[in-house]
Amino acid sequence: MEKRRHRKIRTGTVVSDRMEKTISVAIVRSYQHPLYKKVVRATKKILAHDEQNNCKVGDVVQVIESRPISKRKRWRVQSVISAAQTAD
């Protein structure tokens, strides 16, 4: 039997949940600028498949790389790490 290839796993914050079964996740990474040596923060937004529609804006989620689900969706929600703080 063939072994599955290594799949990328990223952690990010949900910034939009307006779509049906889809969320937008902002992934922030920090790196050092090669010339100026300053730490730079880069943000990338990706679309992830959320089958149960249980993710809300502000949740911290873990997404895993998957087969193409639609034109721009290449990630699935693996787990919700922490839920957003709701104001009562």
PDB file of N, CA and C in Angstrom:
ATOM      1  N   MET A   1       0.824  -1.183   0.000  1.00  0.00           N
ATOM      2  CA  MET A   1       0.000   0.000   0.000  1.00  0.00           C
ATOM      3  C   MET A   1       0.868   1.247   0.000  1.00  0.00           C
ATOM      4  N   GLU A   2       0.437   2.257  -0.728  1.00  0.00           N
ATOM      5  CA  GLU A   2       1.206   3.480  -0.852  1.00  0.00           C
ATOM      6  C   GLU A   2       0.999   4.382   0.360  1.00  0.00           C
ATOM      7  N   LYS A   3       2.073   5.019   0.778  1.00  0.00           N
ATOM      8  CA  LYS A   3       2.009   5.936   1.911  1.00  0.00           C
ATOM      9  C   LYS A   3       1.573   7.310   1.450  1.00  0.00           C
ATOM     10  N   ARG A   4       0.752   8.001   2.242  1.00  0.00           N
ATOM     11  CA  ARG A   4       0.339   9.362   1.893  1.00  0.00           C
ATOM     12  C   ARG A   4       1.507  10.310   2.035  1.00  0.00           C
ATOM     13  N   ARG A   5       1.532  11.295   1.144  1.00  0.00           N
ATOM     14  CA  ARG A   5       2.596  12.284   1.202  1.00  0.00           C
ATOM     15  C   ARG A   5       2.363  13.207   2.392  1.00  0.00           C
ATOM     16  N   HIS A   6       3.419  13.867   2.792  1.00  0.00           N
ATOM     17  CA  HIS A   6       3.342  14.820   3.890  1.00  0.00           C
ATOM     18  C   HIS A   6       2.463  15.998   3.485  1.00  0.00           C
ATOM     19  N   ARG A   7       1.490  16.349   4.310  1.00  0.00           N
ATOM     20  CA  ARG A   7       0.606  17.467   4.022  1.00  0.00           C
ATOM     21  C   ARG A   7       0.929  18.638   4.934  1.00  0.00           C
ATOM     22  N   LYS A   8       0.912  19.838   4.374  1.00  0.00           N
ATOM     23  CA  LYS A   8       1.204  21.034   5.158  1.00  0.00           C
ATOM     24  C   LYS A   8       0.072  21.300   6.135  1.00  0.00           C
ATOM     25  N   ILE A   9       0.436  21.727   7.334  1.00  0.00           N
ATOM     26  CA  ILE A   9      -0.535  22.100   8.361  1.00  0.00           C
ATOM     27  C   ILE A   9      -0.191  23.511   8.807  1.00  0.00           C
ATOM     28  N   ARG A  10      -1.181  24.391   8.814  1.00  0.00           N
ATOM     29  CA  ARG A  10      -0.979  25.782   9.210  1.00  0.00           C
ATOM     30  C   ARG A  10      -2.010  26.173  10.261  1.00  0.00           C
ATOM     31  N   THR A  11      -1.651  27.160  11.074  1.00  0.00           N
ATOM     32  CA  THR A  11      -2.547  27.686  12.089  1.00  0.00           C
ATOM     33  C   THR A  11      -2.835  29.141  11.762  1.00  0.00           C
ATOM     34  N   GLY A  12      -4.111  29.516  11.828  1.00  0.00           N
ATOM     35  CA  GLY A  12      -4.485  30.882  11.501  1.00  0.00           C
ATOM     36  C   GLY A  12      -5.780  31.292  12.165  1.00  0.00           C
ATOM     37  N   THR A  13      -6.186  32.527  11.902  1.00  0.00           N
ATOM     38  CA  THR A  13      -7.387  33.107  12.494  1.00  0.00           C
ATOM     39  C   THR A  13      -8.455  33.266  11.414  1.00  0.00           C
ATOM     40  N   VAL A  14      -9.683  32.902  11.749  1.00  0.00           N
ATOM     41  CA  VAL A  14     -10.793  33.034  10.808  1.00  0.00           C
ATOM     42  C   VAL A  14     -11.136  34.514  10.682  1.00  0.00           C
ATOM     43  N   VAL A  15     -11.125  35.035   9.448  1.00  0.00           N
ATOM     44  CA  VAL A  15     -11.455  36.444   9.217  1.00  0.00           C
ATOM     45  C   VAL A  15     -12.797  36.611   8.518  1.00  0.00           C
ATOM     46  N   SER A  16     -13.341  35.539   7.929  1.00  0.00           N
ATOM     47  CA  SER A  16     -14.646  35.621   7.290  1.00  0.00           C
ATOM     48  C   SER A  16     -15.302  34.246   7.297  1.00  0.00           C
ATOM     49  N   ASP A  17     -16.603  34.229   7.615  1.00  0.00           N
ATOM     50  CA  ASP A  17     -17.371  32.972   7.578  1.00  0.00           C
ATOM     51  C   ASP A  17     -18.690  33.169   6.839  1.00  0.00           C
ATOM     52  N   ARG A  18     -18.745  34.120   5.944  1.00  0.00           N
ATOM     53  CA  ARG A  18     -19.990  34.459   5.245  1.00  0.00           C
ATOM     54  C   ARG A  18     -20.364  33.450   4.167  1.00  0.00           C
ATOM     55  N   MET A  19     -19.403  32.671   3.696  1.00  0.00           N
ATOM     56  CA  MET A  19     -19.683  31.713   2.629  1.00  0.00           C
ATOM     57  C   MET A  19     -20.225  30.416   3.209  1.00  0.00           C
ATOM     58  N   GLU A  20     -20.889  29.652   2.371  1.00  0.00           N
ATOM     59  CA  GLU A  20     -21.457  28.371   2.784  1.00  0.00           C
ATOM     60  C   GLU A  20     -20.367  27.301   2.730  1.00  0.00           C
ATOM     61  N   LYS A  21     -20.076  26.681   3.882  1.00  0.00           N
ATOM     62  CA  LYS A  21     -19.070  25.617   4.006  1.00  0.00           C
ATOM     63  C   LYS A  21     -17.660  26.076   3.659  1.00  0.00           C
ATOM     64  N   THR A  22     -17.405  27.372   3.727  1.00  0.00           N
ATOM     65  CA  THR A  22     -16.087  27.923   3.421  1.00  0.00           C
ATOM     66  C   THR A  22     -15.767  29.025   4.410  1.00  0.00           C
ATOM     67  N   ILE A  23     -14.512  29.065   4.855  1.00  0.00           N
ATOM     68  CA  ILE A  23     -14.047  30.154   5.702  1.00  0.00           C
ATOM     69  C   ILE A  23     -12.786  30.742   5.086  1.00  0.00           C
ATOM     70  N   SER A  24     -12.521  31.989   5.434  1.00  0.00           N
ATOM     71  CA  SER A  24     -11.294  32.653   5.021  1.00  0.00           C
ATOM     72  C   SER A  24     -10.390  32.722   6.253  1.00  0.00           C
ATOM     73  N   VAL A  25      -9.168  32.249   6.113  1.00  0.00           N
ATOM     74  CA  VAL A  25      -8.237  32.154   7.236  1.00  0.00           C
ATOM     75  C   VAL A  25      -7.012  33.010   6.950  1.00  0.00           C
ATOM     76  N   ALA A  26      -6.634  33.857   7.900  1.00  0.00           N
ATOM     77  CA  ALA A  26      -5.426  34.669   7.784  1.00  0.00           C
ATOM     78  C   ALA A  26      -4.288  33.945   8.494  1.00  0.00           C
ATOM     79  N   ILE A  27      -3.236  33.658   7.755  1.00  0.00           N
ATOM     80  CA  ILE A  27      -2.071  32.983   8.310  1.00  0.00           C
ATOM     81  C   ILE A  27      -0.938  33.991   8.370  1.00  0.00           C
ATOM     82  N   VAL A  28      -0.407  34.213   9.581  1.00  0.00           N
ATOM     83  CA  VAL A  28       0.659  35.194   9.790  1.00  0.00           C
ATOM     84  C   VAL A  28       1.963  34.451  10.007  1.00  0.00           C
ATOM     85  N   ARG A  29       3.005  34.890   9.295  1.00  0.00           N
ATOM     86  CA  ARG A  29       4.329  34.305   9.521  1.00  0.00           C
ATOM     87  C   ARG A  29       5.325  35.438   9.694  1.00  0.00           C
ATOM     88  N   SER A  30       6.347  35.200  10.477  1.00  0.00           N
ATOM     89  CA  SER A  30       7.388  36.189  10.717  1.00  0.00           C
ATOM     90  C   SER A  30       8.705  35.679  10.139  1.00  0.00           C
ATOM     91  N   TYR A  31       9.436  36.593   9.540  1.00  0.00           N
ATOM     92  CA  TYR A  31      10.750  36.233   9.013  1.00  0.00           C
ATOM     93  C   TYR A  31      11.658  37.446   9.096  1.00  0.00           C
ATOM     94  N   GLN A  32      12.938  37.198   9.038  1.00  0.00           N
ATOM     95  CA  GLN A  32      13.914  38.275   9.113  1.00  0.00           C
ATOM     96  C   GLN A  32      14.254  38.752   7.709  1.00  0.00           C
ATOM     97  N   HIS A  33      14.200  40.062   7.509  1.00  0.00           N
ATOM     98  CA  HIS A  33      14.523  40.629   6.203  1.00  0.00           C
ATOM     99  C   HIS A  33      15.993  40.328   5.894  1.00  0.00           C
ATOM    100  N   PRO A  34      16.294  39.851   4.683  1.00  0.00           N
ATOM    101  CA  PRO A  34      17.664  39.422   4.400  1.00  0.00           C
ATOM    102  C   PRO A  34      18.708  40.540   4.434  1.00  0.00           C
ATOM    103  N   LEU A  35      18.322  41.759   4.077  1.00  0.00           N
ATOM    104  CA  LEU A  35      19.285  42.849   4.050  1.00  0.00           C
ATOM    105  C   LEU A  35      19.264  43.675   5.338  1.00  0.00           C
ATOM    106  N   TYR A  36      18.086  44.060   5.790  1.00  0.00           N
ATOM    107  CA  TYR A  36      17.970  44.973   6.930  1.00  0.00           C
ATOM    108  C   TYR A  36      17.852  44.277   8.284  1.00  0.00           C
ATOM    109  N   LYS A  37      17.691  42.976   8.291  1.00  0.00           N
ATOM    110  CA  LYS A  37      17.673  42.161   9.516  1.00  0.00           C
ATOM    111  C   LYS A  37      16.520  42.500  10.459  1.00  0.00           C
ATOM    112  N   LYS A  38      15.511  43.189   9.960  1.00  0.00           N
ATOM    113  CA  LYS A  38      14.346  43.504  10.778  1.00  0.00           C
ATOM    114  C   LYS A  38      13.327  42.373  10.636  1.00  0.00           C
ATOM    115  N   VAL A  39      12.618  42.067  11.712  1.00  0.00           N
ATOM    116  CA  VAL A  39      11.605  41.025  11.669  1.00  0.00           C
ATOM    117  C   VAL A  39      10.359  41.587  10.986  1.00  0.00           C
ATOM    118  N   VAL A  40       9.933  40.897   9.940  1.00  0.00           N
ATOM    119  CA  VAL A  40       8.797  41.333   9.142  1.00  0.00           C
ATOM    120  C   VAL A  40       7.658  40.334   9.329  1.00  0.00           C
ATOM    121  N   ARG A  41       6.426  40.860   9.445  1.00  0.00           N
ATOM    122  CA  ARG A  41       5.248  40.003   9.545  1.00  0.00           C
ATOM    123  C   ARG A  41       4.539  39.995   8.194  1.00  0.00           C
ATOM    124  N   ALA A  42       4.322  38.805   7.649  1.00  0.00           N
ATOM    125  CA  ALA A  42       3.618  38.660   6.376  1.00  0.00           C
ATOM    126  C   ALA A  42       2.319  37.902   6.615  1.00  0.00           C
ATOM    127  N   THR A  43       1.214  38.405   6.054  1.00  0.00           N
ATOM    128  CA  THR A  43      -0.087  37.770   6.214  1.00  0.00           C
ATOM    129  C   THR A  43      -0.562  37.241   4.874  1.00  0.00           C
ATOM    130  N   LYS A  44      -1.060  36.021   4.886  1.00  0.00           N
ATOM    131  CA  LYS A  44      -1.612  35.405   3.675  1.00  0.00           C
ATOM    132  C   LYS A  44      -3.008  34.905   4.007  1.00  0.00           C
ATOM    133  N   LYS A  45      -3.985  35.221   3.156  1.00  0.00           N
ATOM    134  CA  LYS A  45      -5.355  34.752   3.367  1.00  0.00           C
ATOM    135  C   LYS A  45      -5.632  33.583   2.436  1.00  0.00           C
ATOM    136  N   ILE A  46      -6.176  32.514   3.003  1.00  0.00           N
ATOM    137  CA  ILE A  46      -6.525  31.336   2.212  1.00  0.00           C
ATOM    138  C   ILE A  46      -7.980  30.979   2.474  1.00  0.00           C
ATOM    139  N   LEU A  47      -8.569  30.216   1.562  1.00  0.00           N
ATOM    140  CA  LEU A  47      -9.918  29.700   1.743  1.00  0.00           C
ATOM    141  C   LEU A  47      -9.819  28.254   2.195  1.00  0.00           C
ATOM    142  N   ALA A  48     -10.624  27.898   3.197  1.00  0.00           N
ATOM    143  CA  ALA A  48     -10.600  26.541   3.734  1.00  0.00           C
ATOM    144  C   ALA A  48     -12.008  25.974   3.789  1.00  0.00           C
ATOM    145  N   HIS A  49     -12.121  24.674   3.587  1.00  0.00           N
ATOM    146  CA  HIS A  49     -13.409  23.987   3.594  1.00  0.00           C
ATOM    147  C   HIS A  49     -13.801  23.665   5.031  1.00  0.00           C
ATOM    148  N   ASP A  50     -15.008  24.109   5.421  1.00  0.00           N
ATOM    149  CA  ASP A  50     -15.547  23.865   6.765  1.00  0.00           C
ATOM    150  C   ASP A  50     -16.865  23.126   6.594  1.00  0.00           C
ATOM    151  N   GLU A  51     -16.830  21.803   6.634  1.00  0.00           N
ATOM    152  CA  GLU A  51     -17.988  20.967   6.304  1.00  0.00           C
ATOM    153  C   GLU A  51     -19.194  21.225   7.207  1.00  0.00           C
ATOM    154  N   GLN A  52     -18.984  21.398   8.519  1.00  0.00           N
ATOM    155  CA  GLN A  52     -20.102  21.573   9.446  1.00  0.00           C
ATOM    156  C   GLN A  52     -20.500  23.036   9.663  1.00  0.00           C
ATOM    157  N   ASN A  53     -19.820  23.972   9.059  1.00  0.00           N
ATOM    158  CA  ASN A  53     -20.103  25.404   9.254  1.00  0.00           C
ATOM    159  C   ASN A  53     -20.046  25.804  10.730  1.00  0.00           C
ATOM    160  N   ASN A  54     -19.089  25.286  11.490  1.00  0.00           N
ATOM    161  CA  ASN A  54     -19.036  25.587  12.921  1.00  0.00           C
ATOM    162  C   ASN A  54     -17.958  26.602  13.285  1.00  0.00           C
ATOM    163  N   CYS A  55     -17.188  27.088  12.334  1.00  0.00           N
ATOM    164  CA  CYS A  55     -16.168  28.098  12.614  1.00  0.00           C
ATOM    165  C   CYS A  55     -16.760  29.484  12.520  1.00  0.00           C
ATOM    166  N   LYS A  56     -16.379  30.353  13.453  1.00  0.00           N
ATOM    167  CA  LYS A  56     -16.854  31.735  13.482  1.00  0.00           C
ATOM    168  C   LYS A  56     -15.664  32.681  13.370  1.00  0.00           C
ATOM    169  N   VAL A  57     -15.949  33.943  13.060  1.00  0.00           N
ATOM    170  CA  VAL A  57     -14.896  34.956  12.941  1.00  0.00           C
ATOM    171  C   VAL A  57     -14.176  35.098  14.277  1.00  0.00           C
ATOM    172  N   GLY A  58     -12.858  35.061  14.246  1.00  0.00           N
ATOM    173  CA  GLY A  58     -12.050  35.188  15.447  1.00  0.00           C
ATOM    174  C   GLY A  58     -11.529  33.872  15.986  1.00  0.00           C
ATOM    175  N   ASP A  59     -12.077  32.752  15.527  1.00  0.00           N
ATOM    176  CA  ASP A  59     -11.594  31.440  15.965  1.00  0.00           C
ATOM    177  C   ASP A  59     -10.175  31.213  15.460  1.00  0.00           C
ATOM    178  N   VAL A  60      -9.380  30.531  16.261  1.00  0.00           N
ATOM    179  CA  VAL A  60      -8.054  30.096  15.826  1.00  0.00           C
ATOM    180  C   VAL A  60      -8.197  28.645  15.391  1.00  0.00           C
ATOM    181  N   VAL A  61      -7.874  28.369  14.117  1.00  0.00           N
ATOM    182  CA  VAL A  61      -8.085  27.044  13.552  1.00  0.00           C
ATOM    183  C   VAL A  61      -6.791  26.487  12.980  1.00  0.00           C
ATOM    184  N   GLN A  62      -6.781  25.169  12.852  1.00  0.00           N
ATOM    185  CA  GLN A  62      -5.673  24.476  12.220  1.00  0.00           C
ATOM    186  C   GLN A  62      -6.203  23.927  10.896  1.00  0.00           C
ATOM    187  N   VAL A  63      -5.542  24.265   9.789  1.00  0.00           N
ATOM    188  CA  VAL A  63      -5.964  23.809   8.468  1.00  0.00           C
ATOM    189  C   VAL A  63      -4.910  22.888   7.884  1.00  0.00           C
ATOM    190  N   ILE A  64      -5.368  21.951   7.056  1.00  0.00           N
ATOM    191  CA  ILE A  64      -4.476  20.981   6.440  1.00  0.00           C
ATOM    192  C   ILE A  64      -4.652  21.037   4.933  1.00  0.00           C
ATOM    193  N   GLU A  65      -3.569  20.870   4.218  1.00  0.00           N
ATOM    194  CA  GLU A  65      -3.586  20.894   2.766  1.00  0.00           C
ATOM    195  C   GLU A  65      -4.382  19.693   2.246  1.00  0.00           C
ATOM    196  N   SER A  66      -5.155  19.899   1.161  1.00  0.00           N
ATOM    197  CA  SER A  66      -5.948  18.804   0.611  1.00  0.00           C
ATOM    198  C   SER A  66      -6.016  18.923  -0.908  1.00  0.00           C
ATOM    199  N   ARG A  67      -6.748  18.026  -1.504  1.00  0.00           N
ATOM    200  CA  ARG A  67      -6.947  18.087  -2.954  1.00  0.00           C
ATOM    201  C   ARG A  67      -7.758  19.329  -3.290  1.00  0.00           C
ATOM    202  N   PRO A  68      -7.729  19.813  -4.519  1.00  0.00           N
ATOM    203  CA  PRO A  68      -8.531  20.979  -4.872  1.00  0.00           C
ATOM    204  C   PRO A  68     -10.022  20.710  -4.696  1.00  0.00           C
ATOM    205  N   ILE A  69     -10.685  21.568  -3.934  1.00  0.00           N
ATOM    206  CA  ILE A  69     -12.113  21.426  -3.672  1.00  0.00           C
ATOM    207  C   ILE A  69     -12.900  22.343  -4.600  1.00  0.00           C
ATOM    208  N   SER A  70     -12.358  23.509  -4.892  1.00  0.00           N
ATOM    209  CA  SER A  70     -12.958  24.433  -5.856  1.00  0.00           C
ATOM    210  C   SER A  70     -11.826  25.232  -6.490  1.00  0.00           C
ATOM    211  N   LYS A  71     -12.170  26.320  -7.169  1.00  0.00           N
ATOM    212  CA  LYS A  71     -11.159  27.092  -7.887  1.00  0.00           C
ATOM    213  C   LYS A  71     -10.049  27.604  -6.975  1.00  0.00           C
ATOM    214  N   ARG A  72     -10.412  28.104  -5.784  1.00  0.00           N
ATOM    215  CA  ARG A  72      -9.419  28.684  -4.869  1.00  0.00           C
ATOM    216  C   ARG A  72      -9.261  27.914  -3.558  1.00  0.00           C
ATOM    217  N   LYS A  73     -10.085  26.905  -3.315  1.00  0.00           N
ATOM    218  CA  LYS A  73     -10.032  26.158  -2.051  1.00  0.00           C
ATOM    219  C   LYS A  73      -9.104  24.963  -2.163  1.00  0.00           C
ATOM    220  N   ARG A  74      -8.019  24.974  -1.381  1.00  0.00           N
ATOM    221  CA  ARG A  74      -7.053  23.867  -1.362  1.00  0.00           C
ATOM    222  C   ARG A  74      -6.766  23.394   0.057  1.00  0.00           C
ATOM    223  N   TRP A  75      -7.532  23.860   1.030  1.00  0.00           N
ATOM    224  CA  TRP A  75      -7.300  23.552   2.436  1.00  0.00           C
ATOM    225  C   TRP A  75      -8.597  23.098   3.092  1.00  0.00           C
ATOM    226  N   ARG A  76      -8.480  22.267   4.140  1.00  0.00           N
ATOM    227  CA  ARG A  76      -9.621  21.825   4.950  1.00  0.00           C
ATOM    228  C   ARG A  76      -9.353  22.167   6.403  1.00  0.00           C
ATOM    229  N   VAL A  77     -10.422  22.431   7.160  1.00  0.00           N
ATOM    230  CA  VAL A  77     -10.280  22.688   8.593  1.00  0.00           C
ATOM    231  C   VAL A  77     -10.027  21.356   9.273  1.00  0.00           C
ATOM    232  N   GLN A  78      -8.924  21.276  10.023  1.00  0.00           N
ATOM    233  CA  GLN A  78      -8.619  20.053  10.756  1.00  0.00           C
ATOM    234  C   GLN A  78      -9.184  20.120  12.160  1.00  0.00           C
ATOM    235  N   SER A  79      -8.999  21.269  12.833  1.00  0.00           N
ATOM    236  CA  SER A  79      -9.539  21.415  14.189  1.00  0.00           C
ATOM    237  C   SER A  79      -9.635  22.888  14.558  1.00  0.00           C
ATOM    238  N   VAL A  80     -10.512  23.166  15.532  1.00  0.00           N
ATOM    239  CA  VAL A  80     -10.624  24.502  16.090  1.00  0.00           C
ATOM    240  C   VAL A  80      -9.785  24.509  17.371  1.00  0.00           C
ATOM    241  N   ILE A  81      -8.746  25.325  17.381  1.00  0.00           N
ATOM    242  CA  ILE A  81      -7.848  25.362  18.539  1.00  0.00           C
ATOM    243  C   ILE A  81      -8.471  26.157  19.681  1.00  0.00           C
ATOM    244  N   SER A  82      -8.977  27.352  19.374  1.00  0.00           N
ATOM    245  CA  SER A  82      -9.666  28.126  20.402  1.00  0.00           C
ATOM    246  C   SER A  82     -10.787  28.925  19.760  1.00  0.00           C
ATOM    247  N   ALA A  83     -11.902  28.987  20.463  1.00  0.00           N
ATOM    248  CA  ALA A  83     -13.070  29.705  19.960  1.00  0.00           C
ATOM    249  C   ALA A  83     -12.915  31.183  20.240  1.00  0.00           C
ATOM    250  N   ALA A  84     -13.586  32.005  19.449  1.00  0.00           N
ATOM    251  CA  ALA A  84     -13.527  33.460  19.616  1.00  0.00           C
ATOM    252  C   ALA A  84     -14.241  33.878  20.884  1.00  0.00           C
ATOM    253  N   GLN A  85     -13.762  34.959  21.487  1.00  0.00           N
ATOM    254  CA  GLN A  85     -14.412  35.519  22.672  1.00  0.00           C
ATOM    255  C   GLN A  85     -15.653  36.282  22.215  1.00  0.00           C
ATOM    256  N   THR A  86     -16.809  35.910  22.724  1.00  0.00           N
ATOM    257  CA  THR A  86     -18.044  36.587  22.334  1.00  0.00           C
ATOM    258  C   THR A  86     -18.435  37.600  23.394  1.00  0.00           C
ATOM    259  N   ALA A  87     -18.883  38.772  22.949  1.00  0.00           N
ATOM    260  CA  ALA A  87     -19.336  39.815  23.878  1.00  0.00           C
ATOM    261  C   ALA A  87     -20.818  39.602  24.167  1.00  0.00           C
ATOM    262  N   ASP A  88     -21.158  39.464  25.448  1.00  0.00           N
ATOM    263  CA  ASP A  88     -22.555  39.245  25.845  1.00  0.00           C
ATOM    264  C   ASP A  88     -23.279  40.527  26.127  1.00  0.00           C
TER     265      ASP A  88
END
